[in-house]
Amino acid sequence: MMDRWVLVVERIRPYSLAALLLAVVSLLLATVVRIAFGYLGGNLLFDSYFPAVLVTALLAGAPAGTAVIVGSVIIAWWAFIPPFYAFGELSGADITNGVLFIICSGCIVAVAHLYRDVLHKSRLHDRERDLLMRELEHRGRNTYAVVEAIVRSTLVNDRASADAIAGRVRAVSSANDLVNHSSAKAVQLQTLLSHNFARNEKAQLRASGPDVELSADAARKMGLVFHELVTNAMKHGALSRHGGAVSVQWRAEANKVHLTWREEGGPPVLPPQRQGFGTVIVTESLKSLSGDIVAAFDPDGLKCEITFNCR
């Protein structure tokens, strides 16, 4: 609703035809309301014109608001002060009412002008910020691309290690993109999970849990954790076979998330002979989020109990 209001304010420019039409329509509506209250016995000389001044000044600017003030005084003098429909002599009370209306309406126009000015500067600031964020995002992607290129050039004779490191770099870059594209600079847990599974079209993900919003830092680190788990499942676990699937369930208690990762339909699972670098990344990432991971290498599939702080 607020965005629509701002859009209307930005579209109607002062001294434009739209501003003139708005002033005329506001005057007509205020006059119709004044006539209607007159038939009901009301003696509201200028009261119905205050909203007209306010709305016009807010939407079309100070010039249109001032025009409504002048038009209101002329119409009220001509139509609602005896002798009706003629510019008769004004009494002291009529002059006092007119002066008070002009002063009060002038204050309304001034405040509306200040509001429009603040709104314009705020929108300009938002556009500059968005432009800066897009530029930083572009530079960030370029930086990640350069890092990946350096890794592949350095490990040209070790393709497996180069692919592993490049995948981790892309995982952080992708999580960062999700953060940047969010107005709240946060990412839904479901979105982050689905994003990591998207690189394997045949991967089956069964995810269930409440809406959990991850902070920017938590999203980047959990993006790396999910990348390692998905990569391991694609190489050695359930996603290495047709029909294999991963079930992910979670619950939240305040800022603490308890997540269960369960692989199904894959080859028999055996405990690793040694701790790989991927395991170290997962452990350290979770530790930085005040969490941990407990893995059970069941023959039916890997099962992990993961806890972490989402803020």
Protein backbone atom coordinates (compact mmCIF):
# COMPACT_ATOMS: atom_id res chain seq x y z
CA MET A 1 0.00 0.00 0.00
CA MET A 2 2.81 2.39 0.92
CA ASP A 3 4.62 1.64 -2.34
CA ARG A 4 1.49 2.54 -4.34
CA TRP A 5 1.16 5.82 -2.47
CA VAL A 6 4.81 6.70 -3.13
CA LEU A 7 4.35 5.80 -6.80
CA VAL A 8 1.40 8.18 -7.12
CA VAL A 9 3.31 10.98 -5.38
CA GLU A 10 6.26 10.50 -7.74
CA ARG A 11 4.14 10.39 -10.89
CA ILE A 12 2.23 13.65 -10.30
CA ARG A 13 4.65 16.50 -10.87
CA PRO A 14 4.00 20.08 -9.69
CA TYR A 15 2.86 22.44 -12.48
CA SER A 16 1.78 19.46 -14.58
CA LEU A 17 -1.62 18.85 -16.18
CA ALA A 18 -2.19 15.96 -13.78
CA ALA A 19 -1.62 18.31 -10.82
CA LEU A 20 -4.11 20.80 -12.26
CA LEU A 21 -6.72 18.10 -12.83
CA LEU A 22 -6.26 16.79 -9.29
CA ALA A 23 -6.75 20.30 -7.89
CA VAL A 24 -9.94 20.78 -9.91
CA VAL A 25 -11.35 17.38 -8.90
CA SER A 26 -10.53 18.01 -5.24
CA LEU A 27 -12.29 21.38 -5.36
CA LEU A 28 -15.36 19.86 -6.99
CA LEU A 29 -15.60 17.02 -4.47
CA ALA A 30 -15.11 19.38 -1.53
CA THR A 31 -17.83 21.67 -2.93
CA VAL A 32 -20.25 18.76 -3.37
CA VAL A 33 -19.63 17.70 0.25
CA ARG A 34 -20.15 21.31 1.41
CA ILE A 35 -23.47 21.53 -0.48
CA ALA A 36 -24.60 18.19 0.95
CA PHE A 37 -23.88 19.32 4.52
CA GLY A 38 -25.64 22.59 3.77
CA TYR A 39 -28.84 20.73 2.91
CA LEU A 40 -28.50 18.84 6.20
CA GLY A 41 -28.35 22.12 8.07
CA GLY A 42 -24.61 22.31 8.56
CA ASN A 43 -22.86 25.68 8.47
CA LEU A 44 -19.36 24.49 7.62
CA LEU A 45 -18.00 27.28 5.49
CA PHE A 46 -14.51 25.94 4.81
CA ASP A 47 -14.33 22.62 6.68
CA SER A 48 -14.84 20.39 3.63
CA TYR A 49 -11.96 22.12 1.82
CA PHE A 50 -9.27 21.21 4.35
CA PRO A 51 -9.06 17.56 3.17
CA ALA A 52 -8.96 18.82 -0.44
CA VAL A 53 -5.97 21.03 0.36
CA LEU A 54 -4.20 18.23 2.22
CA VAL A 55 -4.67 15.52 -0.42
CA THR A 56 -3.81 17.84 -3.30
CA ALA A 57 -0.69 19.22 -1.61
CA LEU A 58 0.53 15.74 -0.71
CA LEU A 59 -0.06 14.23 -4.13
CA ALA A 60 0.63 17.16 -6.45
CA GLY A 61 2.80 19.55 -4.50
CA ALA A 62 2.61 23.05 -3.04
CA PRO A 63 1.50 24.91 -6.22
CA ALA A 64 -1.59 22.70 -6.65
CA GLY A 65 -2.34 22.90 -2.93
CA THR A 66 -2.10 26.69 -3.06
CA ALA A 67 -4.44 26.72 -6.06
CA VAL A 68 -6.99 24.73 -4.06
CA ILE A 69 -6.75 27.29 -1.23
CA VAL A 70 -7.43 30.17 -3.62
CA GLY A 71 -10.22 28.26 -5.37
CA SER A 72 -11.81 27.33 -2.05
CA VAL A 73 -11.92 30.96 -0.90
CA ILE A 74 -13.45 32.12 -4.20
CA ILE A 75 -16.08 29.34 -4.28
CA ALA A 76 -17.03 29.82 -0.62
CA TRP A 77 -17.36 33.57 -1.08
CA TRP A 78 -19.44 33.20 -4.25
CA ALA A 79 -21.64 30.20 -3.35
CA PHE A 80 -21.95 29.98 0.43
CA ILE A 81 -21.87 33.55 1.77
CA PRO A 82 -25.06 35.61 1.33
CA PRO A 83 -26.06 36.86 -1.11
CA PHE A 84 -25.56 33.40 -2.65
CA TYR A 85 -23.96 33.05 -6.08
CA ALA A 86 -22.70 36.60 -6.03
CA PHE A 87 -19.59 38.25 -4.62
CA GLY A 88 -21.30 40.27 -1.91
CA GLU A 89 -19.88 42.35 0.89
CA LEU A 90 -18.07 40.30 3.54
CA SER A 91 -18.74 40.60 7.21
CA GLY A 92 -16.04 40.68 9.86
CA ALA A 93 -16.80 37.05 10.76
CA ASP A 94 -16.54 35.98 7.13
CA ILE A 95 -13.18 37.73 6.76
CA THR A 96 -11.95 36.14 9.99
CA ASN A 97 -13.02 32.67 8.83
CA GLY A 98 -11.33 33.21 5.48
CA VAL A 99 -8.07 34.40 7.03
CA LEU A 100 -8.00 31.49 9.47
CA PHE A 101 -8.67 29.07 6.61
CA ILE A 102 -5.84 30.54 4.55
CA ILE A 103 -3.39 30.41 7.49
CA CYS A 104 -4.30 26.85 8.48
CA SER A 105 -4.31 25.65 4.89
CA GLY A 106 -0.97 27.34 4.30
CA CYS A 107 0.47 25.36 7.22
CA ILE A 108 -0.95 22.18 5.69
CA VAL A 109 0.66 22.96 2.33
CA ALA A 110 3.99 23.74 4.00
CA VAL A 111 4.00 20.47 5.94
CA ALA A 112 2.96 18.54 2.81
CA HIS A 113 5.82 20.20 0.90
CA LEU A 114 8.31 19.14 3.59
CA TYR A 115 6.89 15.61 3.51
CA ARG A 116 7.27 15.40 -0.27
CA ASP A 117 10.81 16.72 -0.01
CA VAL A 118 11.77 14.14 2.62
CA LEU A 119 10.09 11.39 0.60
CA HIS A 120 11.95 12.44 -2.55
CA LYS A 121 15.31 12.44 -0.75
CA SER A 122 14.54 9.08 0.84
CA ARG A 123 13.66 7.52 -2.52
CA LEU A 124 16.79 9.04 -4.06
CA HIS A 125 18.85 7.57 -1.23
CA ASP A 126 17.21 4.16 -1.76
CA ARG A 127 18.02 4.24 -5.48
CA GLU A 128 21.63 5.19 -4.79
CA ARG A 129 21.87 2.41 -2.21
CA ASP A 130 20.39 -0.13 -4.62
CA LEU A 131 22.81 0.99 -7.31
CA LEU A 132 25.72 0.64 -4.88
CA MET A 133 24.51 -2.80 -3.78
CA ARG A 134 24.26 -3.97 -7.40
CA GLU A 135 27.74 -2.67 -8.06
CA LEU A 136 29.11 -4.42 -4.96
CA GLU A 137 27.26 -7.59 -5.91
CA HIS A 138 28.75 -7.41 -9.42
CA ARG A 139 32.23 -6.87 -8.04
CA GLY A 140 31.72 -9.67 -5.55
CA ARG A 141 30.80 -12.09 -8.36
CA ASN A 142 33.87 -10.97 -10.28
CA THR A 143 36.03 -11.54 -7.21
CA TYR A 144 34.66 -15.05 -6.71
CA ALA A 145 35.18 -15.75 -10.42
CA VAL A 146 38.81 -14.56 -10.17
CA VAL A 147 39.38 -16.72 -7.08
CA GLU A 148 37.93 -19.74 -8.87
CA ALA A 149 40.13 -19.05 -11.90
CA ILE A 150 43.22 -18.78 -9.68
CA VAL A 151 42.35 -22.05 -7.96
CA ARG A 152 41.88 -23.90 -11.25
CA SER A 153 45.08 -22.42 -12.69
CA THR A 154 47.06 -23.29 -9.58
CA LEU A 155 45.69 -26.84 -9.34
CA VAL A 156 45.71 -27.52 -13.05
CA ASN A 157 47.19 -30.98 -12.42
CA ASP A 158 44.78 -31.77 -9.60
CA ARG A 159 41.34 -31.48 -11.16
CA ALA A 160 39.50 -33.08 -8.23
CA SER A 161 40.87 -30.64 -5.66
CA ALA A 162 40.26 -27.70 -8.00
CA ASP A 163 36.62 -28.73 -8.51
CA ALA A 164 36.11 -29.17 -4.76
CA ILE A 165 37.52 -25.74 -3.88
CA ALA A 166 35.72 -24.05 -6.78
CA GLY A 167 32.44 -25.62 -5.65
CA ARG A 168 32.92 -24.21 -2.16
CA VAL A 169 33.67 -20.78 -3.57
CA ARG A 170 30.49 -20.93 -5.66
CA ALA A 171 28.48 -22.08 -2.63
CA VAL A 172 29.52 -18.99 -0.67
CA SER A 173 28.93 -16.79 -3.72
CA SER A 174 25.44 -18.23 -4.27
CA ALA A 175 24.47 -17.76 -0.62
CA ASN A 176 25.75 -14.21 -0.81
CA ASP A 177 23.57 -13.57 -3.88
CA LEU A 178 20.51 -14.83 -2.01
CA VAL A 179 21.30 -12.44 0.84
CA ASN A 180 21.80 -9.49 -1.51
CA HIS A 181 18.52 -10.16 -3.33
CA SER A 182 16.58 -10.11 -0.07
CA SER A 183 15.27 -6.76 1.14
CA ALA A 184 15.71 -7.94 4.73
CA LYS A 185 19.23 -9.22 4.03
CA ALA A 186 18.16 -12.62 5.29
CA VAL A 187 17.34 -15.96 3.65
CA GLN A 188 14.68 -18.57 4.34
CA LEU A 189 16.11 -21.96 5.34
CA GLN A 190 13.88 -23.70 2.79
CA THR A 191 15.16 -21.40 0.02
CA LEU A 192 18.80 -22.06 0.90
CA LEU A 193 18.22 -25.81 0.92
CA SER A 194 16.40 -25.83 -2.42
CA HIS A 195 19.11 -23.64 -3.96
CA ASN A 196 21.81 -26.17 -3.05
CA PHE A 197 19.81 -29.08 -4.42
CA ALA A 198 19.03 -27.22 -7.66
CA ARG A 199 22.43 -28.05 -9.19
CA ASN A 200 21.35 -31.69 -9.41
CA GLU A 201 18.05 -31.87 -11.33
CA LYS A 202 17.50 -35.50 -10.35
CA ALA A 203 18.08 -34.90 -6.66
CA GLN A 204 15.02 -35.55 -4.54
CA LEU A 205 14.59 -33.35 -1.52
CA ARG A 206 11.86 -33.90 1.05
CA ALA A 207 11.94 -30.85 3.27
CA SER A 208 9.56 -29.97 6.08
CA GLY A 209 9.68 -27.48 8.88
CA PRO A 210 8.49 -24.04 9.94
CA ASP A 211 9.61 -20.80 8.30
CA VAL A 212 13.08 -20.02 9.61
CA GLU A 213 14.92 -16.88 8.53
CA LEU A 214 18.70 -17.04 8.50
CA SER A 215 20.82 -13.96 9.01
CA ALA A 216 23.35 -13.05 6.33
CA ASP A 217 26.21 -14.66 8.25
CA ALA A 218 24.22 -17.80 9.06
CA ALA A 219 23.05 -18.10 5.44
CA ARG A 220 26.60 -17.98 4.07
CA LYS A 221 27.89 -20.57 6.54
CA MET A 222 24.89 -22.88 6.27
CA GLY A 223 25.11 -22.59 2.50
CA LEU A 224 28.61 -24.02 2.77
CA VAL A 225 27.39 -26.77 5.13
CA PHE A 226 24.56 -27.78 2.79
CA HIS A 227 26.95 -27.70 -0.17
CA GLU A 228 29.26 -30.18 1.54
CA LEU A 229 26.38 -32.48 2.52
CA VAL A 230 24.86 -32.39 -0.97
CA THR A 231 28.23 -32.97 -2.61
CA ASN A 232 28.92 -35.95 -0.35
CA ALA A 233 25.45 -37.36 -1.06
CA MET A 234 26.04 -37.00 -4.82
CA LYS A 235 29.43 -38.73 -4.66
CA HIS A 236 28.94 -41.40 -2.04
CA GLY A 237 25.41 -41.25 -0.63
CA ALA A 238 21.76 -41.37 -1.59
CA LEU A 239 22.02 -38.95 -4.52
CA SER A 240 24.62 -41.15 -6.24
CA ARG A 241 21.89 -43.63 -7.18
CA HIS A 242 18.68 -43.33 -9.13
CA GLY A 243 15.73 -43.06 -6.75
CA GLY A 244 17.81 -41.90 -3.82
CA ALA A 245 16.46 -39.04 -1.78
CA VAL A 246 17.31 -36.78 1.13
CA SER A 247 14.83 -35.99 3.86
CA VAL A 248 15.43 -32.79 5.81
CA GLN A 249 13.30 -31.85 8.80
CA TRP A 250 13.82 -29.02 11.23
CA ARG A 251 12.30 -27.21 14.16
CA ALA A 252 13.19 -23.94 15.82
CA GLU A 253 13.38 -22.91 19.44
CA ALA A 254 13.92 -19.15 19.59
CA ASN A 255 17.06 -18.61 17.49
CA LYS A 256 18.25 -22.23 17.79
CA VAL A 257 17.49 -24.56 14.88
CA HIS A 258 17.50 -28.36 15.21
CA LEU A 259 17.80 -30.01 11.80
CA THR A 260 17.78 -33.69 10.84
CA TRP A 261 19.42 -34.74 7.57
CA ARG A 262 18.50 -38.28 6.52
CA GLU A 263 19.55 -40.01 3.30
CA GLU A 264 17.45 -42.83 1.84
CA GLY A 265 17.74 -45.18 -1.11
CA GLY A 266 21.50 -44.94 -1.50
CA PRO A 267 24.34 -47.46 -1.24
CA PRO A 268 25.29 -48.94 2.15
CA VAL A 269 27.12 -46.36 4.24
CA LEU A 270 30.36 -47.00 6.09
CA PRO A 271 32.11 -44.67 8.54
CA PRO A 272 34.98 -42.79 6.88
CA GLN A 273 38.53 -43.97 7.53
CA ARG A 274 39.73 -40.43 8.12
CA GLN A 275 38.31 -36.97 8.59
CA GLY A 276 38.25 -35.09 5.29
CA PHE A 277 38.52 -31.38 4.72
CA GLY A 278 34.79 -31.19 3.96
CA THR A 279 34.04 -32.50 7.44
CA VAL A 280 36.32 -29.87 8.93
CA ILE A 281 34.49 -27.13 6.99
CA VAL A 282 31.10 -28.37 8.21
CA THR A 283 32.25 -28.66 11.81
CA GLU A 284 33.95 -25.26 11.93
CA SER A 285 31.05 -23.52 10.14
CA LEU A 286 28.56 -24.89 12.64
CA LYS A 287 30.85 -24.13 15.58
CA SER A 288 30.95 -20.47 14.50
CA LEU A 289 27.13 -20.51 14.70
CA SER A 290 27.22 -22.04 18.22
CA GLY A 291 26.15 -25.38 16.78
CA ASP A 292 27.43 -28.85 16.06
CA ILE A 293 26.75 -31.97 14.04
CA VAL A 294 26.33 -35.59 15.10
CA ALA A 295 26.56 -38.03 12.21
CA ALA A 296 25.32 -41.64 12.28
CA PHE A 297 26.58 -43.84 9.45
CA ASP A 298 23.65 -46.25 9.34
CA PRO A 299 23.71 -48.93 6.61
CA ASP A 300 20.42 -47.52 5.26
CA GLY A 301 21.92 -44.07 4.80
CA LEU A 302 23.69 -41.20 6.46
CA LYS A 303 21.81 -39.46 9.24
CA CYS A 304 22.96 -36.15 10.72
CA GLU A 305 21.61 -34.24 13.69
CA ILE A 306 22.56 -30.60 13.24
CA THR A 307 22.06 -27.65 15.53
CA PHE A 308 22.95 -24.02 14.84
CA ASN A 309 22.01 -20.48 15.67
CA CYS A 310 20.10 -18.80 12.83
CA ARG A 311 21.00 -15.28 14.00
